[in-house]
């Protein structure tokens, strides 16, 4: 992903109104048909941060998940098998793409559907590849990187939500179908700051060097004709001290969904993580999924202070398991589960 130099200053959303149903005080012997009791919403299941942490570690253990590498293939096979083990309907979408530095890669988007027959749907996005080089690392520039938060934690959060949902009986399921869409080749892009001396061979081609998998998926929707009411993109959601601001493109394309997520986080006690602070646009997968007709919000780790748009570990070898924090993953996963169950 990369920073887009555009800022927004928007008013905070108003509080949510709660409607309360009151039981009738009429005696039971009335001849009129009795009114059915208000249906109580199912209790929101718990997001297990230990499980999400384990899913993060499992991906990192494969090694850097760089397209065309054995670790990438092995991790992709693991993700497909894991999603199938939850009883989800799984689709694979292989594609070919050229990177900015002239490498022809084989990518694979992975789509898993929970309650595939449900008419109302919400999409949860994450990228499962890792950047091939730690170009922002001052000491180990261009070394391989683990991508523990940038990639693995996002996928792990989606996996844990899928696992939790798969355990619910029909009577305790949310009122929406949920699609886990893991896109590939998001992070093999040209960084104008750290790679100024490297030519971007995709410049002027009509294809952005970032988000190759989501660009492909947006043009070749799978399932065919796919529609969702909205999408939530996880990206860098596992680091210690993680903080999430209201990003510019998310506000522009999906303001009501931003409000829904941030208000929900505040309601259930995670306002220390989800900050009511508006920040500039970044180019990430949510730009292309929004263009495909699915207004999508990007939840990504944004430093709460200073002028940096990405945390210090971003695109460095410091992005390893030592920075992963169960509390951050819990805040994100539990908030999104609550959002799904509030539908």
Protein backbone atom coordinates (compact mmCIF):
# COMPACT_ATOMS: atom_id res chain seq x y z
CA UNK A 1 0.00 0.00 0.00
CA UNK A 2 1.08 3.57 -0.37
CA UNK A 3 0.08 7.02 0.85
CA UNK A 4 -2.16 9.24 -1.25
CA UNK A 5 -1.64 12.96 -0.38
CA UNK A 6 -5.24 13.96 0.26
CA UNK A 7 -6.81 14.76 3.61
CA UNK A 8 -10.37 14.95 4.79
CA UNK A 9 -11.83 16.80 7.76
CA UNK A 10 -15.27 15.44 8.56
CA UNK A 11 -17.59 15.71 11.52
CA UNK A 12 -17.79 12.78 13.90
CA UNK A 13 -20.88 10.64 13.46
CA UNK A 14 -23.83 11.19 15.74
CA UNK A 15 -24.62 8.61 18.37
CA UNK A 16 -26.72 5.56 17.52
CA UNK A 17 -30.34 5.50 18.68
CA UNK A 18 -31.55 2.38 20.39
CA UNK A 19 -35.10 1.11 19.94
CA UNK A 20 -36.63 -0.80 22.83
CA UNK A 21 -39.68 -3.06 22.55
CA UNK A 22 -41.98 -3.01 25.61
CA UNK A 23 -44.17 -6.01 26.47
CA UNK A 24 -47.93 -5.54 26.56
CA UNK A 25 -49.54 -5.11 29.98
CA UNK A 26 -52.92 -6.55 28.84
CA UNK A 27 -54.20 -9.65 30.67
CA UNK A 28 -53.53 -12.98 28.99
CA UNK A 29 -57.27 -13.85 28.81
CA UNK A 30 -58.00 -11.29 26.07
CA UNK A 31 -59.58 -12.83 22.97
CA UNK A 32 -57.36 -10.85 20.63
CA UNK A 33 -54.42 -12.71 19.13
CA UNK A 34 -51.45 -12.24 21.38
CA UNK A 35 -48.48 -10.35 19.94
CA UNK A 36 -45.30 -12.37 19.43
CA UNK A 37 -42.48 -11.54 21.80
CA UNK A 38 -39.67 -9.43 20.39
CA UNK A 39 -36.96 -11.66 18.95
CA UNK A 40 -33.80 -11.38 20.96
CA UNK A 41 -30.65 -10.94 18.90
CA UNK A 42 -28.16 -13.81 19.21
CA UNK A 43 -25.30 -13.23 21.60
CA UNK A 44 -22.14 -12.21 19.78
CA UNK A 45 -19.58 -15.03 20.02
CA UNK A 46 -16.11 -14.34 21.38
CA UNK A 47 -13.18 -13.72 19.07
CA UNK A 48 -10.34 -15.94 20.33
CA UNK A 49 -7.11 -13.91 20.22
CA UNK A 50 -4.97 -16.95 21.02
CA UNK A 51 -6.35 -18.71 17.96
CA UNK A 52 -5.75 -15.64 15.78
CA UNK A 53 -2.19 -15.39 17.10
CA UNK A 54 -1.60 -19.05 16.19
CA UNK A 55 -2.91 -18.48 12.66
CA UNK A 56 -0.50 -15.56 12.32
CA UNK A 57 2.45 -17.66 13.51
CA UNK A 58 1.50 -20.50 11.15
CA UNK A 59 1.67 -18.23 8.11
CA UNK A 60 4.97 -16.69 9.19
CA UNK A 61 6.41 -20.18 9.70
CA UNK A 62 6.11 -20.86 5.97
CA UNK A 63 8.60 -18.06 5.35
CA UNK A 64 8.05 -14.96 3.19
CA UNK A 65 4.89 -15.53 1.12
CA UNK A 66 6.26 -14.06 -2.10
CA UNK A 67 4.56 -15.08 -5.37
CA UNK A 68 6.50 -17.67 -7.41
CA UNK A 69 8.18 -18.99 -4.23
CA UNK A 70 7.50 -22.41 -2.61
CA UNK A 71 6.50 -20.79 0.69
CA UNK A 72 3.82 -18.83 -1.13
CA UNK A 73 2.35 -21.94 -2.73
CA UNK A 74 2.45 -23.88 0.54
CA UNK A 75 0.78 -21.11 2.51
CA UNK A 76 -1.93 -20.69 -0.12
CA UNK A 77 -2.68 -24.41 0.02
CA UNK A 78 -2.87 -24.19 3.81
CA UNK A 79 -5.34 -21.29 3.67
CA UNK A 80 -7.59 -23.12 1.21
CA UNK A 81 -7.57 -26.26 3.33
CA UNK A 82 -8.21 -24.34 6.56
CA UNK A 83 -11.18 -22.48 5.12
CA UNK A 84 -12.62 -25.72 3.75
CA UNK A 85 -12.20 -27.32 7.18
CA UNK A 86 -14.61 -24.67 8.53
CA UNK A 87 -17.25 -25.93 6.11
CA UNK A 88 -17.11 -22.83 3.92
CA UNK A 89 -17.60 -22.84 0.17
CA UNK A 90 -14.16 -22.06 -1.25
CA UNK A 91 -13.22 -20.72 -4.69
CA UNK A 92 -9.70 -20.22 -6.03
CA UNK A 93 -8.92 -17.60 -8.64
CA UNK A 94 -5.48 -18.03 -10.25
CA UNK A 95 -4.13 -15.15 -12.32
CA UNK A 96 -0.99 -13.98 -14.06
CA UNK A 97 0.47 -10.50 -13.59
CA UNK A 98 3.58 -8.49 -14.34
CA UNK A 99 5.26 -6.64 -11.47
CA UNK A 100 6.76 -3.15 -11.67
CA UNK A 101 10.26 -4.65 -11.94
CA UNK A 102 9.39 -6.96 -14.81
CA UNK A 103 8.70 -10.25 -13.04
CA UNK A 104 5.87 -12.41 -14.39
CA UNK A 105 4.11 -13.85 -11.35
CA UNK A 106 1.46 -16.47 -10.72
CA UNK A 107 -1.04 -15.20 -8.18
CA UNK A 108 -4.07 -16.72 -6.51
CA UNK A 109 -7.07 -15.04 -4.92
CA UNK A 110 -8.93 -17.19 -2.38
CA UNK A 111 -12.66 -16.68 -1.75
CA UNK A 112 -14.55 -18.49 1.02
CA UNK A 113 -18.30 -18.07 1.63
CA UNK A 114 -20.17 -18.49 4.91
CA UNK A 115 -23.94 -18.89 4.46
CA UNK A 116 -23.54 -18.71 0.66
CA UNK A 117 -27.30 -18.69 0.06
CA UNK A 118 -27.88 -15.54 2.14
CA UNK A 119 -29.06 -12.60 0.04
CA UNK A 120 -27.45 -9.94 2.24
CA UNK A 121 -23.66 -10.22 2.27
CA UNK A 122 -20.62 -8.56 3.85
CA UNK A 123 -17.10 -9.05 2.46
CA UNK A 124 -13.99 -9.29 4.63
CA UNK A 125 -10.80 -8.64 2.65
CA UNK A 126 -7.10 -9.20 3.45
CA UNK A 127 -3.95 -9.74 1.38
CA UNK A 128 -2.04 -12.94 2.03
CA UNK A 129 1.24 -12.23 0.24
CA UNK A 130 4.33 -10.54 1.66
CA UNK A 131 6.48 -7.82 0.12
CA UNK A 132 9.54 -9.38 -1.57
CA UNK A 133 11.98 -6.85 -0.10
CA UNK A 134 12.26 -4.79 3.08
CA UNK A 135 13.03 -1.62 1.15
CA UNK A 136 12.19 0.64 4.11
CA UNK A 137 14.70 -1.12 6.38
CA UNK A 138 17.71 1.14 7.01
CA UNK A 139 20.02 -1.71 8.10
CA UNK A 140 18.76 -4.63 6.01
CA UNK A 141 17.44 -2.93 2.89
CA UNK A 142 15.79 -5.37 0.48
CA UNK A 143 16.18 -8.36 2.80
CA UNK A 144 13.29 -10.87 2.93
CA UNK A 145 10.61 -10.00 5.46
CA UNK A 146 8.11 -12.01 7.51
CA UNK A 147 5.09 -9.75 7.09
CA UNK A 148 3.70 -10.77 10.49
CA UNK A 149 1.44 -7.75 10.90
CA UNK A 150 1.41 -6.62 7.25
CA UNK A 151 -0.48 -9.52 5.82
CA UNK A 152 -0.43 -12.44 8.25
CA UNK A 153 -2.32 -10.76 11.11
CA UNK A 154 -5.02 -9.57 8.71
CA UNK A 155 -5.51 -13.02 7.23
CA UNK A 156 -5.46 -14.55 10.72
CA UNK A 157 -8.20 -12.17 11.88
CA UNK A 158 -10.36 -13.18 8.92
CA UNK A 159 -9.64 -16.87 9.58
CA UNK A 160 -10.64 -16.60 13.23
CA UNK A 161 -13.88 -14.84 12.33
CA UNK A 162 -14.59 -17.61 9.82
CA UNK A 163 -13.83 -20.29 12.43
CA UNK A 164 -16.08 -18.68 15.03
CA UNK A 165 -18.96 -18.27 12.60
CA UNK A 166 -18.64 -21.87 11.43
CA UNK A 167 -19.24 -23.09 15.00
CA UNK A 168 -22.57 -21.29 15.39
CA UNK A 169 -25.83 -23.20 14.99
CA UNK A 170 -28.32 -21.70 12.56
CA UNK A 171 -30.27 -20.12 15.43
CA UNK A 172 -27.18 -18.19 16.53
CA UNK A 173 -25.90 -17.13 13.11
CA UNK A 174 -25.78 -13.47 12.01
CA UNK A 175 -28.40 -12.18 9.56
CA UNK A 176 -25.85 -11.80 6.75
CA UNK A 177 -23.66 -14.08 4.71
CA UNK A 178 -19.95 -13.38 5.11
CA UNK A 179 -17.32 -13.75 2.41
CA UNK A 180 -13.63 -14.06 3.26
CA UNK A 181 -11.72 -12.73 0.24
CA UNK A 182 -7.96 -13.16 0.47
CA UNK A 183 -6.27 -11.28 -2.35
CA UNK A 184 -2.75 -11.92 -3.60
CA UNK A 185 0.13 -9.77 -4.87
CA UNK A 186 -0.93 -6.64 -3.00
CA UNK A 187 2.52 -5.76 -1.75
CA UNK A 188 4.80 -6.06 -4.80
CA UNK A 189 4.48 -2.39 -5.71
CA UNK A 190 6.83 0.46 -6.54
CA UNK A 191 7.54 2.84 -3.65
CA UNK A 192 8.47 6.26 -4.98
CA UNK A 193 10.32 7.10 -1.75
CA UNK A 194 12.43 4.01 -1.10
CA UNK A 195 12.80 2.88 -4.73
CA UNK A 196 13.33 6.15 -6.54
CA UNK A 197 16.33 4.61 -8.30
CA UNK A 198 14.25 1.70 -9.66
CA UNK A 199 12.16 2.15 -12.80
CA UNK A 200 8.46 1.39 -12.49
CA UNK A 201 7.84 -0.58 -15.67
CA UNK A 202 4.06 -0.41 -15.13
CA UNK A 203 3.96 3.39 -15.14
CA UNK A 204 1.51 4.57 -17.80
CA UNK A 205 0.22 1.05 -18.47
CA UNK A 206 -3.16 1.53 -16.80
CA UNK A 207 -2.23 -1.02 -14.12
CA UNK A 208 -1.10 0.16 -10.73
CA UNK A 209 1.95 -1.66 -9.40
CA UNK A 210 0.21 -2.24 -6.05
CA UNK A 211 -2.84 -4.40 -5.34
CA UNK A 212 -2.47 -6.65 -8.37
CA UNK A 213 -4.78 -9.33 -6.95
CA UNK A 214 -7.60 -6.99 -6.00
CA UNK A 215 -7.32 -5.22 -9.37
CA UNK A 216 -7.78 -8.60 -11.06
CA UNK A 217 -10.65 -9.65 -8.78
CA UNK A 218 -12.47 -6.33 -9.29
CA UNK A 219 -12.41 -6.92 -13.07
CA UNK A 220 -13.26 -10.64 -12.83
CA UNK A 221 -15.63 -10.89 -9.88
CA UNK A 222 -15.74 -14.30 -8.25
CA UNK A 223 -18.35 -15.57 -7.65
CA UNK A 224 -19.60 -14.13 -10.94
CA UNK A 225 -21.76 -11.07 -10.44
CA UNK A 226 -20.77 -10.89 -6.79
CA UNK A 227 -22.51 -8.25 -4.68
CA UNK A 228 -22.10 -7.27 -1.04
CA UNK A 229 -23.62 -4.46 1.00
CA UNK A 230 -20.14 -3.39 2.07
CA UNK A 231 -16.61 -4.63 2.65
CA UNK A 232 -14.05 -4.40 5.46
CA UNK A 233 -10.36 -4.63 4.58
CA UNK A 234 -7.96 -5.81 7.28
CA UNK A 235 -4.34 -4.69 6.78
CA UNK A 236 -1.73 -4.55 9.55
CA UNK A 237 -4.11 -5.30 12.43
CA UNK A 238 -1.86 -7.25 14.81
CA UNK A 239 0.95 -5.06 16.15
CA UNK A 240 1.52 -3.87 19.69
CA UNK A 241 0.20 -0.35 20.10
CA UNK A 242 -1.84 -0.64 16.91
CA UNK A 243 -4.16 2.29 16.28
CA UNK A 244 -6.76 2.71 13.55
CA UNK A 245 -7.82 6.07 12.15
CA UNK A 246 -10.61 6.87 9.71
CA UNK A 247 -8.78 6.77 6.39
CA UNK A 248 -9.65 9.17 3.58
CA UNK A 249 -10.71 6.80 0.80
CA UNK A 250 -12.81 4.83 3.30
CA UNK A 251 -14.58 8.05 4.32
CA UNK A 252 -15.16 8.99 0.69
CA UNK A 253 -16.47 5.61 -0.46
CA UNK A 254 -18.06 4.12 2.67
CA UNK A 255 -18.67 6.80 5.28
CA UNK A 256 -21.68 5.04 6.83
CA UNK A 257 -19.65 1.85 7.26
CA UNK A 258 -16.78 3.77 8.87
CA UNK A 259 -19.27 5.24 11.33
CA UNK A 260 -20.73 1.80 12.00
CA UNK A 261 -17.35 0.23 12.78
CA UNK A 262 -15.91 3.07 14.87
CA UNK A 263 -19.13 3.59 16.84
CA UNK A 264 -19.32 -0.14 17.49
CA UNK A 265 -15.72 -0.22 18.72
CA UNK A 266 -16.49 2.62 21.12
CA UNK A 267 -19.67 0.90 22.30
CA UNK A 268 -17.88 -2.30 23.27
CA UNK A 269 -14.80 -0.69 24.80
CA UNK A 270 -12.20 -0.43 22.03
CA UNK A 271 -12.06 3.33 21.44
CA UNK A 272 -8.38 3.27 22.50
CA UNK A 273 -7.72 1.34 19.28
CA UNK A 274 -10.28 2.90 16.91
CA UNK A 275 -9.52 6.61 17.03
CA UNK A 276 -12.06 9.22 15.96
CA UNK A 277 -9.38 10.89 13.87
CA UNK A 278 -9.61 11.46 10.11
CA UNK A 279 -6.46 10.91 8.04
CA UNK A 280 -5.49 11.04 4.37
CA UNK A 281 -6.05 8.50 1.64
CA UNK A 282 -3.84 5.52 1.02
CA UNK A 283 -3.83 3.27 -2.01
CA UNK A 284 -4.81 -0.19 -0.80
CA UNK A 285 -7.07 -3.03 -1.91
CA UNK A 286 -10.17 -1.17 -0.72
CA UNK A 287 -9.79 1.35 -3.54
CA UNK A 288 -10.36 -1.37 -6.15
CA UNK A 289 -13.04 -3.28 -4.26
CA UNK A 290 -14.94 -0.01 -3.88
CA UNK A 291 -14.61 0.55 -7.63
CA UNK A 292 -16.15 -2.90 -8.09
CA UNK A 293 -19.31 -1.70 -6.35
CA UNK A 294 -18.52 -2.82 -2.80
CA UNK A 295 -17.99 0.24 -0.57
CA UNK A 296 -15.03 -0.85 1.53
CA UNK A 297 -13.38 0.44 4.71
CA UNK A 298 -9.66 -0.04 5.34
CA UNK A 299 -8.68 -0.90 8.92
CA UNK A 300 -4.92 -0.40 9.02
CA UNK A 301 -2.35 0.55 11.63
CA UNK A 302 -1.77 4.31 11.51
CA UNK A 303 0.65 6.04 13.93
CA UNK A 304 -1.52 8.24 16.18
CA UNK A 305 1.09 11.00 16.43
CA UNK A 306 3.54 12.64 14.05
CA UNK A 307 3.56 12.85 10.28
CA UNK A 308 4.16 9.20 9.41
CA UNK A 309 1.41 7.33 7.63
CA UNK A 310 2.74 3.87 8.41
CA UNK A 311 4.25 2.42 11.59
CA UNK A 312 8.00 2.00 11.95
CA UNK A 313 7.89 -1.74 11.21
CA UNK A 314 6.17 -1.19 7.83
CA UNK A 315 8.17 -2.85 5.04
CA UNK A 316 11.10 -3.69 7.33
CA UNK A 317 12.48 -6.87 8.86
CA UNK A 318 11.04 -5.71 12.21
CA UNK A 319 7.63 -6.89 10.98
CA UNK A 320 7.98 -10.28 12.68
CA UNK A 321 6.20 -12.22 15.42
CA UNK A 322 7.89 -10.19 18.16
CA UNK A 323 5.57 -7.24 17.44
CA UNK A 324 2.31 -9.23 17.34
CA UNK A 325 -0.12 -8.50 20.17
CA UNK A 326 -3.20 -10.56 20.94
CA UNK A 327 -4.93 -7.49 22.42
CA UNK A 328 -4.80 -5.59 19.14
CA UNK A 329 -6.16 -8.55 17.20
CA UNK A 330 -8.92 -9.00 19.78
CA UNK A 331 -9.98 -5.36 19.44
CA UNK A 332 -10.31 -5.66 15.68
CA UNK A 333 -11.83 -9.13 15.52
CA UNK A 334 -14.38 -8.61 18.29
CA UNK A 335 -15.45 -5.26 16.85
CA UNK A 336 -16.06 -6.73 13.40
CA UNK A 337 -17.95 -9.72 14.83
CA UNK A 338 -20.18 -7.26 16.70
CA UNK A 339 -20.75 -5.31 13.47
CA UNK A 340 -21.79 -8.51 11.67
CA UNK A 341 -24.20 -9.49 14.43
CA UNK A 342 -25.72 -6.02 14.55
CA UNK A 343 -26.89 -6.38 10.94
